[in-house]
Amino acid sequence: MSRACSVRVALACIVSAAASVASAQNFPVKAVRWVVSFPPGGSVDSIARRMGPPLASALGQQVVIDNRVGASGNIASDLVVRSAPDGYTLLSHTVPFVVNTFLYSRVPYDPVNDFAPVSLLATTASLLSVHPSVPVRTVKELLALARAKPGALNYGSAGVGTNPHISGELFNYLGKVNMVAVQYRAAGRR
């Protein structure tokens, strides 16, 4: 499926879902708030900002992108779960939306019962790379180095519970190694 076709399909899903939620009224009669759980410039934000204008055009109303950053998306999720269930508030999130329920003793939402899924907007691949100064060129060599120096190697992550963090911990688990996560505040573009 082409990228343009994927965008049209996702927009159709969003418009259809929002309209069905608000079917008892003339929808839309006001701006739609699209809450993004991560900072401006990252992949989640970029997708919302790319899809916002065509969605606004399809709805005939303004779509306002609202970045609510923090706690691996819990702040955004809490804001949306407290909003009226009228189709005027959308949430963009990633893996932490579900993972947070296992990482935090309490989250302010239930990902299954408090939200209605609308559309898968994107998928992404993970990439494993090392700095050129690290004396490895294969995964096998990286695992051998990590085993020889437990806790001495680090990997970058976009925050607790994010896709890079979970991928890194899966690598640790499956490789039986102990590389340490360095938690950055986000994965925005530089």
C-alpha atoms as a PDB file:
ATOM      1  CA  MET A   1       0.000   0.000   0.000  1.00  0.00           C
ATOM      2  CA  SER A   2       1.444   3.390  -0.938  1.00  0.00           C
ATOM      3  CA  ARG A   3       2.118   6.021   1.725  1.00  0.00           C
ATOM      4  CA  ALA A   4      -0.563   8.335   0.276  1.00  0.00           C
ATOM      5  CA  CYS A   5      -3.086   5.487   0.308  1.00  0.00           C
ATOM      6  CA  SER A   6      -2.150   4.610   3.901  1.00  0.00           C
ATOM      7  CA  VAL A   7      -2.722   8.221   4.957  1.00  0.00           C
ATOM      8  CA  ARG A   8      -6.143   8.277   3.247  1.00  0.00           C
ATOM      9  CA  VAL A   9      -7.161   4.989   4.892  1.00  0.00           C
ATOM     10  CA  ALA A  10      -6.060   6.214   8.358  1.00  0.00           C
ATOM     11  CA  LEU A  11      -7.881   9.520   7.851  1.00  0.00           C
ATOM     12  CA  ALA A  12     -11.025   7.690   6.757  1.00  0.00           C
ATOM     13  CA  CYS A  13     -10.849   5.551   9.920  1.00  0.00           C
ATOM     14  CA  ILE A  14     -10.422   8.610  12.132  1.00  0.00           C
ATOM     15  CA  VAL A  15     -13.247  10.543  10.466  1.00  0.00           C
ATOM     16  CA  SER A  16     -15.543   7.509  10.572  1.00  0.00           C
ATOM     17  CA  ALA A  17     -14.803   6.780  14.241  1.00  0.00           C
ATOM     18  CA  ALA A  18     -15.204  10.394  15.320  1.00  0.00           C
ATOM     19  CA  ALA A  19     -18.472  10.673  13.409  1.00  0.00           C
ATOM     20  CA  SER A  20     -19.855   7.472  14.932  1.00  0.00           C
ATOM     21  CA  VAL A  21     -19.017   8.654  18.465  1.00  0.00           C
ATOM     22  CA  ALA A  22     -20.785  11.922  17.771  1.00  0.00           C
ATOM     23  CA  SER A  23     -23.587  10.538  15.592  1.00  0.00           C
ATOM     24  CA  ALA A  24     -26.357  12.032  17.736  1.00  0.00           C
ATOM     25  CA  GLN A  25     -25.209  15.550  16.869  1.00  0.00           C
ATOM     26  CA  ASN A  26     -24.067  17.433  13.806  1.00  0.00           C
ATOM     27  CA  PHE A  27     -20.427  16.468  13.838  1.00  0.00           C
ATOM     28  CA  PRO A  28     -18.132  18.312  13.827  1.00  0.00           C
ATOM     29  CA  VAL A  29     -19.271  21.682  15.086  1.00  0.00           C
ATOM     30  CA  LYS A  30     -15.983  22.723  16.705  1.00  0.00           C
ATOM     31  CA  ALA A  31     -12.241  22.116  16.492  1.00  0.00           C
ATOM     32  CA  VAL A  32     -10.830  18.656  17.141  1.00  0.00           C
ATOM     33  CA  ARG A  33      -8.027  18.371  19.688  1.00  0.00           C
ATOM     34  CA  TRP A  34      -5.326  15.873  18.764  1.00  0.00           C
ATOM     35  CA  VAL A  35      -3.274  15.140  21.891  1.00  0.00           C
ATOM     36  CA  VAL A  36       0.221  13.858  21.162  1.00  0.00           C
ATOM     37  CA  SER A  37       1.956  12.009  23.982  1.00  0.00           C
ATOM     38  CA  PHE A  38       5.501  12.932  22.971  1.00  0.00           C
ATOM     39  CA  PRO A  39       7.418  16.162  22.229  1.00  0.00           C
ATOM     40  CA  PRO A  40       7.400  18.158  19.015  1.00  0.00           C
ATOM     41  CA  GLY A  41       9.835  16.921  16.386  1.00  0.00           C
ATOM     42  CA  GLY A  42       9.633  13.216  17.167  1.00  0.00           C
ATOM     43  CA  SER A  43       7.961  10.570  15.058  1.00  0.00           C
ATOM     44  CA  VAL A  44       4.628  10.572  16.921  1.00  0.00           C
ATOM     45  CA  ASP A  45       4.346  14.355  16.612  1.00  0.00           C
ATOM     46  CA  SER A  46       5.444  14.367  12.968  1.00  0.00           C
ATOM     47  CA  ILE A  47       2.730  11.912  12.000  1.00  0.00           C
ATOM     48  CA  ALA A  48       0.010  13.908  13.752  1.00  0.00           C
ATOM     49  CA  ARG A  49       1.219  17.142  12.160  1.00  0.00           C
ATOM     50  CA  ARG A  50       1.310  15.545   8.733  1.00  0.00           C
ATOM     51  CA  MET A  51      -2.168  14.089   9.074  1.00  0.00           C
ATOM     52  CA  GLY A  52      -3.740  17.049  10.890  1.00  0.00           C
ATOM     53  CA  PRO A  53      -4.303  19.280   7.821  1.00  0.00           C
ATOM     54  CA  PRO A  54      -5.928  16.581   5.644  1.00  0.00           C
ATOM     55  CA  LEU A  55      -8.097  15.555   8.604  1.00  0.00           C
ATOM     56  CA  ALA A  56      -9.125  19.181   9.139  1.00  0.00           C
ATOM     57  CA  SER A  57      -9.990  19.430   5.455  1.00  0.00           C
ATOM     58  CA  ALA A  58     -12.039  16.227   5.574  1.00  0.00           C
ATOM     59  CA  LEU A  59     -13.890  17.332   8.718  1.00  0.00           C
ATOM     60  CA  GLY A  60     -14.321  20.976   7.750  1.00  0.00           C
ATOM     61  CA  GLN A  61     -13.022  21.990  11.178  1.00  0.00           C
ATOM     62  CA  GLN A  62      -9.665  22.942  12.635  1.00  0.00           C
ATOM     63  CA  VAL A  63      -7.503  20.161  14.088  1.00  0.00           C
ATOM     64  CA  VAL A  64      -5.296  21.418  16.934  1.00  0.00           C
ATOM     65  CA  ILE A  65      -2.178  19.395  17.744  1.00  0.00           C
ATOM     66  CA  ASP A  66      -1.573  19.504  21.512  1.00  0.00           C
ATOM     67  CA  ASN A  67       1.701  17.993  22.756  1.00  0.00           C
ATOM     68  CA  ARG A  68       1.343  16.813  26.359  1.00  0.00           C
ATOM     69  CA  VAL A  69       4.681  15.373  27.324  1.00  0.00           C
ATOM     70  CA  GLY A  70       5.784  13.418  30.371  1.00  0.00           C
ATOM     71  CA  ALA A  71       5.688  10.161  32.290  1.00  0.00           C
ATOM     72  CA  SER A  72       6.078   8.109  29.085  1.00  0.00           C
ATOM     73  CA  GLY A  73       2.736   9.359  27.818  1.00  0.00           C
ATOM     74  CA  ASN A  74       0.759   9.034  31.053  1.00  0.00           C
ATOM     75  CA  ILE A  75       0.145  12.792  31.193  1.00  0.00           C
ATOM     76  CA  ALA A  76      -1.410  12.819  27.714  1.00  0.00           C
ATOM     77  CA  SER A  77      -3.433   9.677  28.402  1.00  0.00           C
ATOM     78  CA  ASP A  78      -4.759  11.125  31.659  1.00  0.00           C
ATOM     79  CA  LEU A  79      -5.794  14.329  29.895  1.00  0.00           C
ATOM     80  CA  VAL A  80      -7.647  12.419  27.179  1.00  0.00           C
ATOM     81  CA  VAL A  81      -9.329   9.932  29.522  1.00  0.00           C
ATOM     82  CA  ARG A  82     -10.761  12.906  31.461  1.00  0.00           C
ATOM     83  CA  SER A  83     -12.091  14.615  28.327  1.00  0.00           C
ATOM     84  CA  ALA A  84     -15.683  14.275  27.182  1.00  0.00           C
ATOM     85  CA  PRO A  85     -16.244  11.127  25.083  1.00  0.00           C
ATOM     86  CA  ASP A  86     -17.675  13.176  22.231  1.00  0.00           C
ATOM     87  CA  GLY A  87     -15.230  12.490  19.379  1.00  0.00           C
ATOM     88  CA  TYR A  88     -13.488  15.851  19.687  1.00  0.00           C
ATOM     89  CA  THR A  89     -10.350  14.575  21.432  1.00  0.00           C
ATOM     90  CA  LEU A  90      -7.929  12.145  19.804  1.00  0.00           C
ATOM     91  CA  LEU A  91      -4.771  10.610  21.298  1.00  0.00           C
ATOM     92  CA  SER A  92      -1.592   9.539  19.508  1.00  0.00           C
ATOM     93  CA  HIS A  93       0.530   7.149  21.514  1.00  0.00           C
ATOM     94  CA  THR A  94       2.944   4.255  21.129  1.00  0.00           C
ATOM     95  CA  VAL A  95       4.014   1.139  23.047  1.00  0.00           C
ATOM     96  CA  PRO A  96       4.067   2.843  26.499  1.00  0.00           C
ATOM     97  CA  PHE A  97       0.282   3.251  26.290  1.00  0.00           C
ATOM     98  CA  VAL A  98      -0.018  -0.417  27.271  1.00  0.00           C
ATOM     99  CA  VAL A  99       3.447  -1.062  28.732  1.00  0.00           C
ATOM    100  CA  ASN A 100       3.013   1.666  31.368  1.00  0.00           C
ATOM    101  CA  THR A 101       0.343  -0.428  33.082  1.00  0.00           C
ATOM    102  CA  PHE A 102       3.131  -2.910  33.897  1.00  0.00           C
ATOM    103  CA  LEU A 103       5.877  -0.380  34.687  1.00  0.00           C
ATOM    104  CA  TYR A 104       4.017   1.981  36.996  1.00  0.00           C
ATOM    105  CA  SER A 105       2.245   0.946  40.186  1.00  0.00           C
ATOM    106  CA  ARG A 106      -0.742   3.013  39.085  1.00  0.00           C
ATOM    107  CA  VAL A 107      -1.674   4.658  35.794  1.00  0.00           C
ATOM    108  CA  PRO A 108      -4.655   7.020  35.472  1.00  0.00           C
ATOM    109  CA  TYR A 109      -6.326   4.974  32.755  1.00  0.00           C
ATOM    110  CA  ASP A 110      -7.199   1.495  31.549  1.00  0.00           C
ATOM    111  CA  PRO A 111      -5.942   1.140  27.966  1.00  0.00           C
ATOM    112  CA  VAL A 112      -8.604  -1.431  27.096  1.00  0.00           C
ATOM    113  CA  ASN A 113     -11.729  -0.036  28.745  1.00  0.00           C
ATOM    114  CA  ASP A 114     -11.139   3.731  28.763  1.00  0.00           C
ATOM    115  CA  PHE A 115     -10.250   4.232  25.094  1.00  0.00           C
ATOM    116  CA  ALA A 116     -11.680   3.269  21.714  1.00  0.00           C
ATOM    117  CA  PRO A 117      -9.018   2.413  19.133  1.00  0.00           C
ATOM    118  CA  VAL A 118      -9.478   4.310  15.909  1.00  0.00           C
ATOM    119  CA  SER A 119      -6.621   3.615  13.538  1.00  0.00           C
ATOM    120  CA  LEU A 120      -3.085   2.335  13.297  1.00  0.00           C
ATOM    121  CA  LEU A 121      -1.275   5.388  11.934  1.00  0.00           C
ATOM    122  CA  ALA A 122       2.215   4.009  11.453  1.00  0.00           C
ATOM    123  CA  THR A 123       4.576   1.165  12.073  1.00  0.00           C
ATOM    124  CA  THR A 124       8.307   1.471  12.476  1.00  0.00           C
ATOM    125  CA  ALA A 125      11.362  -0.729  12.538  1.00  0.00           C
ATOM    126  CA  SER A 126      14.073  -0.713  15.156  1.00  0.00           C
ATOM    127  CA  LEU A 127      17.724  -0.475  14.193  1.00  0.00           C
ATOM    128  CA  LEU A 128      20.701  -1.728  16.147  1.00  0.00           C
ATOM    129  CA  SER A 129      23.869   0.286  15.601  1.00  0.00           C
ATOM    130  CA  VAL A 130      27.080   0.940  17.493  1.00  0.00           C
ATOM    131  CA  HIS A 131      29.508   3.848  17.524  1.00  0.00           C
ATOM    132  CA  PRO A 132      32.481   3.221  15.196  1.00  0.00           C
ATOM    133  CA  SER A 133      34.824   3.240  18.210  1.00  0.00           C
ATOM    134  CA  VAL A 134      33.155   0.110  19.632  1.00  0.00           C
ATOM    135  CA  PRO A 135      35.255  -2.853  18.469  1.00  0.00           C
ATOM    136  CA  VAL A 136      32.370  -4.946  17.112  1.00  0.00           C
ATOM    137  CA  ARG A 137      30.842  -5.378  13.676  1.00  0.00           C
ATOM    138  CA  THR A 138      28.209  -8.072  14.234  1.00  0.00           C
ATOM    139  CA  VAL A 139      25.488  -8.828  16.759  1.00  0.00           C
ATOM    140  CA  LYS A 140      27.437 -11.908  17.829  1.00  0.00           C
ATOM    141  CA  GLU A 141      30.499  -9.736  18.571  1.00  0.00           C
ATOM    142  CA  LEU A 142      28.352  -7.198  20.449  1.00  0.00           C
ATOM    143  CA  LEU A 143      26.873  -9.946  22.614  1.00  0.00           C
ATOM    144  CA  ALA A 144      30.364 -11.329  23.351  1.00  0.00           C
ATOM    145  CA  LEU A 145      31.598  -7.861  24.374  1.00  0.00           C
ATOM    146  CA  ALA A 146      28.509  -7.249  26.543  1.00  0.00           C
ATOM    147  CA  ARG A 147      29.007 -10.601  28.274  1.00  0.00           C
ATOM    148  CA  ALA A 148      32.688  -9.860  28.872  1.00  0.00           C
ATOM    149  CA  LYS A 149      31.854  -6.447  30.377  1.00  0.00           C
ATOM    150  CA  PRO A 150      28.481  -6.722  32.170  1.00  0.00           C
ATOM    151  CA  GLY A 151      26.970  -3.313  32.903  1.00  0.00           C
ATOM    152  CA  ALA A 152      29.747  -1.453  31.047  1.00  0.00           C
ATOM    153  CA  LEU A 153      27.877  -0.913  27.766  1.00  0.00           C
ATOM    154  CA  ASN A 154      25.011   1.558  27.466  1.00  0.00           C
ATOM    155  CA  TYR A 155      22.196   2.028  24.979  1.00  0.00           C
ATOM    156  CA  GLY A 156      20.094   5.124  24.333  1.00  0.00           C
ATOM    157  CA  SER A 157      16.378   5.185  24.978  1.00  0.00           C
ATOM    158  CA  ALA A 158      13.629   7.760  24.477  1.00  0.00           C
ATOM    159  CA  GLY A 159      12.353   7.238  28.034  1.00  0.00           C
ATOM    160  CA  VAL A 160      11.129   4.506  30.342  1.00  0.00           C
ATOM    161  CA  GLY A 161       8.730   2.144  28.604  1.00  0.00           C
ATOM    162  CA  THR A 162       9.277   3.577  25.116  1.00  0.00           C
ATOM    163  CA  ASN A 163       9.901   1.413  22.074  1.00  0.00           C
ATOM    164  CA  PRO A 164      13.717   1.796  22.246  1.00  0.00           C
ATOM    165  CA  HIS A 165      13.712   0.968  25.971  1.00  0.00           C
ATOM    166  CA  ILE A 166      11.586  -2.156  25.541  1.00  0.00           C
ATOM    167  CA  SER A 167      13.684  -3.208  22.510  1.00  0.00           C
ATOM    168  CA  GLY A 168      16.890  -2.749  24.521  1.00  0.00           C
ATOM    169  CA  GLU A 169      15.576  -4.753  27.428  1.00  0.00           C
ATOM    170  CA  LEU A 170      14.390  -7.494  25.070  1.00  0.00           C
ATOM    171  CA  PHE A 171      17.902  -7.554  23.597  1.00  0.00           C
ATOM    172  CA  ASN A 172      19.314  -7.869  27.130  1.00  0.00           C
ATOM    173  CA  TYR A 173      16.908 -10.669  28.006  1.00  0.00           C
ATOM    174  CA  LEU A 174      17.284 -12.706  24.826  1.00  0.00           C
ATOM    175  CA  GLY A 175      21.052 -12.148  24.660  1.00  0.00           C
ATOM    176  CA  LYS A 176      21.535 -12.841  28.363  1.00  0.00           C
ATOM    177  CA  VAL A 177      23.505  -9.593  28.722  1.00  0.00           C
ATOM    178  CA  ASN A 178      23.305  -6.488  30.900  1.00  0.00           C
ATOM    179  CA  MET A 179      23.560  -3.316  28.844  1.00  0.00           C
ATOM    180  CA  VAL A 180      22.371  -0.213  30.715  1.00  0.00           C
ATOM    181  CA  ALA A 181      19.618   2.047  29.373  1.00  0.00           C
ATOM    182  CA  VAL A 182      20.397   5.758  29.220  1.00  0.00           C
ATOM    183  CA  GLN A 183      16.996   7.442  29.353  1.00  0.00           C
ATOM    184  CA  TYR A 184      16.743  10.578  27.255  1.00  0.00           C
ATOM    185  CA  ARG A 185      13.749  12.896  27.524  1.00  0.00           C
ATOM    186  CA  ALA A 186      12.535  12.114  24.009  1.00  0.00           C
ATOM    187  CA  ALA A 187      13.512  10.879  20.592  1.00  0.00           C
ATOM    188  CA  GLY A 188      12.938  14.134  18.729  1.00  0.00           C
ATOM    189  CA  ARG A 189      14.877  15.135  15.667  1.00  0.00           C
ATOM    190  CA  ARG A 190      18.062  17.082  16.123  1.00  0.00           C
END
